[in-house]
């Protein structure tokens, strides 16, 4: 999940204005909690503009 989130950040961050989060405005029930936490941790660590 970390690698996929990093790839998405690399695509979406240039030019600014992206919003990181789960798709479809919700986290699906079948999504493993570990995946959600990994996504949020990766966005927190690598998804900031300086």
C-alpha atoms as a PDB file:
ATOM      1  CA  UNK A   1       0.000   0.000   0.000  1.00  0.00           C
ATOM      2  CA  UNK A   2       2.867   2.384   0.722  1.00  0.00           C
ATOM      3  CA  UNK A   3       4.313   2.004  -2.774  1.00  0.00           C
ATOM      4  CA  UNK A   4       0.929   2.525  -4.455  1.00  0.00           C
ATOM      5  CA  UNK A   5       0.296   5.628  -2.347  1.00  0.00           C
ATOM      6  CA  UNK A   6       3.754   6.993  -3.228  1.00  0.00           C
ATOM      7  CA  UNK A   7       3.048   6.424  -6.944  1.00  0.00           C
ATOM      8  CA  UNK A   8      -0.258   8.284  -6.632  1.00  0.00           C
ATOM      9  CA  UNK A   9       1.413  11.178  -4.817  1.00  0.00           C
ATOM     10  CA  UNK A  10       4.076  11.389  -7.542  1.00  0.00           C
ATOM     11  CA  UNK A  11       1.297  11.726 -10.130  1.00  0.00           C
ATOM     12  CA  UNK A  12      -1.024  14.065  -8.229  1.00  0.00           C
ATOM     13  CA  UNK A  13       1.313  16.435  -6.351  1.00  0.00           C
ATOM     14  CA  UNK A  14       2.976  18.367  -9.195  1.00  0.00           C
ATOM     15  CA  UNK A  15       1.180  21.675  -9.667  1.00  0.00           C
ATOM     16  CA  UNK A  16      -0.342  21.501  -6.167  1.00  0.00           C
ATOM     17  CA  UNK A  17      -3.983  21.382  -5.239  1.00  0.00           C
ATOM     18  CA  UNK A  18      -4.462  17.656  -4.631  1.00  0.00           C
ATOM     19  CA  UNK A  19      -6.421  16.310  -1.660  1.00  0.00           C
ATOM     20  CA  UNK A  20      -5.220  13.000  -0.244  1.00  0.00           C
ATOM     21  CA  UNK A  21      -7.832  10.539   0.998  1.00  0.00           C
ATOM     22  CA  UNK A  22      -9.851   7.450   0.286  1.00  0.00           C
ATOM     23  CA  UNK A  23     -11.723   7.287  -3.005  1.00  0.00           C
ATOM     24  CA  UNK A  24     -15.488   7.699  -3.235  1.00  0.00           C
ATOM     25  CA  UNK A  25     -15.567   9.775  -0.020  1.00  0.00           C
ATOM     26  CA  UNK A  26     -15.618   6.656   2.141  1.00  0.00           C
ATOM     27  CA  UNK A  27     -13.487   3.697   3.111  1.00  0.00           C
ATOM     28  CA  UNK A  28     -15.095   0.449   2.028  1.00  0.00           C
ATOM     29  CA  UNK A  29     -15.890  -2.089   4.738  1.00  0.00           C
ATOM     30  CA  UNK A  30     -13.774  -4.776   3.054  1.00  0.00           C
ATOM     31  CA  UNK A  31     -10.652  -2.575   3.017  1.00  0.00           C
ATOM     32  CA  UNK A  32      -8.102  -3.860   5.547  1.00  0.00           C
ATOM     33  CA  UNK A  33      -7.459  -1.376   8.350  1.00  0.00           C
ATOM     34  CA  UNK A  34      -3.705  -1.852   7.829  1.00  0.00           C
ATOM     35  CA  UNK A  35      -4.043  -0.538   4.261  1.00  0.00           C
ATOM     36  CA  UNK A  36      -5.924   2.541   5.388  1.00  0.00           C
ATOM     37  CA  UNK A  37      -3.369   3.325   8.090  1.00  0.00           C
ATOM     38  CA  UNK A  38      -0.488   2.803   5.641  1.00  0.00           C
ATOM     39  CA  UNK A  39      -2.125   5.181   3.160  1.00  0.00           C
ATOM     40  CA  UNK A  40      -2.657   7.904   5.770  1.00  0.00           C
ATOM     41  CA  UNK A  41       0.859   7.477   7.193  1.00  0.00           C
ATOM     42  CA  UNK A  42       2.384   7.717   3.705  1.00  0.00           C
ATOM     43  CA  UNK A  43       0.375  10.854   2.870  1.00  0.00           C
ATOM     44  CA  UNK A  44       1.424  12.392   6.192  1.00  0.00           C
ATOM     45  CA  UNK A  45       5.100  11.617   5.548  1.00  0.00           C
ATOM     46  CA  UNK A  46       5.427  12.236   1.799  1.00  0.00           C
ATOM     47  CA  UNK A  47       2.422  14.307   0.749  1.00  0.00           C
ATOM     48  CA  UNK A  48       3.360  17.743   2.050  1.00  0.00           C
ATOM     49  CA  UNK A  49       4.390  20.798   0.104  1.00  0.00           C
ATOM     50  CA  UNK A  50       7.308  22.783   1.521  1.00  0.00           C
END
